[in-house]
Amino acid sequence: MGDVIGIDQIFPELILGVGLALLVGNGLAMWKHRKGEQPAGVEGAFRPGRAWFLMAVGVVMGIWGGLSILG
């Protein structure tokens, strides 16, 4: 069944996609916070430490997924 679905190729692509989504999404959130924008209906303070941490996790996952696809 694994050969039909291609799990060996799908998993690195999934890791790459999630890593890039973490990187871009948190980068966009930090950029919008600097401009003074906030999503509608959201309460609470922006936590830049959390955004930086998730961006770092996204970079690691992106590198891991990219190297797995190339290697």
Protein backbone atom coordinates (compact mmCIF):
# COMPACT_ATOMS: atom_id res chain seq x y z
CA MET A 1 0.00 0.00 0.00
CA GLY A 2 2.89 2.35 0.75
CA ASP A 3 4.19 2.03 -2.80
CA VAL A 4 0.83 2.98 -4.28
CA ILE A 5 0.45 6.11 -2.15
CA GLY A 6 4.14 7.05 -2.23
CA ILE A 7 4.55 7.73 1.50
CA ASP A 8 8.31 8.02 1.11
CA GLN A 9 7.86 11.09 -1.13
CA ILE A 10 4.76 12.61 0.50
CA PHE A 11 6.21 12.86 4.02
CA PRO A 12 9.19 15.13 3.12
CA GLU A 13 6.89 17.32 1.03
CA LEU A 14 4.51 17.61 3.97
CA ILE A 15 7.37 18.58 6.31
CA LEU A 16 8.59 21.16 3.81
CA GLY A 17 5.10 22.60 3.37
CA VAL A 18 4.40 22.88 7.10
CA GLY A 19 7.83 24.42 7.72
CA LEU A 20 7.36 27.05 5.04
CA ALA A 21 3.83 27.78 6.30
CA LEU A 22 5.19 28.38 9.81
CA LEU A 23 7.90 30.64 8.46
CA VAL A 24 5.67 32.71 6.17
CA GLY A 25 2.68 32.85 8.51
CA ASN A 26 4.61 34.06 11.53
CA GLY A 27 6.67 36.44 9.43
CA LEU A 28 3.45 37.96 8.09
CA ALA A 29 2.04 38.22 11.63
CA MET A 30 5.16 40.06 12.81
CA TRP A 31 5.05 42.40 9.80
CA LYS A 32 1.37 43.23 10.36
CA HIS A 33 2.02 43.79 14.07
CA ARG A 34 4.74 46.32 13.23
CA LYS A 35 2.27 48.15 10.97
CA GLY A 36 -0.22 48.26 13.86
CA GLU A 37 -2.78 45.93 12.30
CA GLN A 38 -4.63 43.25 14.24
CA PRO A 39 -7.01 40.56 12.96
CA ALA A 40 -10.70 41.34 13.45
CA GLY A 41 -12.23 39.77 16.54
CA VAL A 42 -8.93 38.73 18.11
CA GLU A 43 -8.22 39.64 21.70
CA GLY A 44 -4.92 39.36 23.52
CA ALA A 45 -1.41 40.64 23.15
CA PHE A 46 0.99 39.79 20.34
CA ARG A 47 3.81 37.61 21.63
CA PRO A 48 6.95 38.18 19.54
CA GLY A 49 8.96 35.50 21.36
CA ARG A 50 6.46 32.88 20.31
CA ALA A 51 6.52 34.10 16.71
CA TRP A 52 10.33 34.00 16.58
CA PHE A 53 10.34 30.49 18.06
CA LEU A 54 7.80 29.22 15.53
CA MET A 55 9.74 30.87 12.69
CA ALA A 56 12.89 29.05 13.86
CA VAL A 57 10.97 25.76 13.95
CA GLY A 58 9.72 26.51 10.43
CA VAL A 59 13.26 27.11 9.17
CA VAL A 60 14.46 23.81 10.66
CA MET A 61 11.49 21.91 9.22
CA GLY A 62 11.95 23.59 5.82
CA ILE A 63 15.62 22.69 5.67
CA TRP A 64 14.88 19.14 6.80
CA GLY A 65 12.12 18.67 4.23
CA GLY A 66 14.14 20.27 1.43
CA LEU A 67 17.20 18.13 2.10
CA SER A 68 15.04 15.00 2.34
CA ILE A 69 13.53 15.71 -1.07
CA LEU A 70 16.92 16.41 -2.68
CA GLY A 71 18.73 13.53 -0.96
